[in-house]
Amino acid sequence: MNETDQARKLLELRKNGVTALGGLISIKGRILFRFILIAISSLMYFFGEGEPVFVFIIGFSLGMFFQDYSWFQSIAKSWSFTKKVTDWSKVELLAKNDS
C-alpha cells in the first residue's frame, strides 16, 4: 500500500471512526486463514494420533486472533487523540497525489 492509499484510508477512518470490529474486518483474510488452520489442526488432532503439536497450533492461532483484537481495541480507544493531533491538511494533500 503506497502513501496515497494510506492517506485515503486514513481519511475514510476519520469520516467513519475506528472500532475494534472494523479493524478485524480489515484483516478478514488473515482471520479466515487462521480459522482454517484451527479446523485442520482440530481434525488432525481428533482423527489422527492426537499429537500435542496440533493443540499448540490451535492455541497459537487463537492467541494471534486475541492479540489482534486487543491491538485494534487499543487503537480504537486512542483514536480521538490521534484524530486531534493528525495534520489532516497533509493527509488530504497526500490522498490527492496521483503518483
Foldseek 3Di string as FASTA:
>chain_A
DDLLVVLVVVVVCLVVPADLVVQCVVPVVLLVVLVVLLVVLVCCLVVHPNDCVSVVSNVVSVVVVVVSSVVSHVCRVCVVVVSVPDPNVVSVVSNPDPD
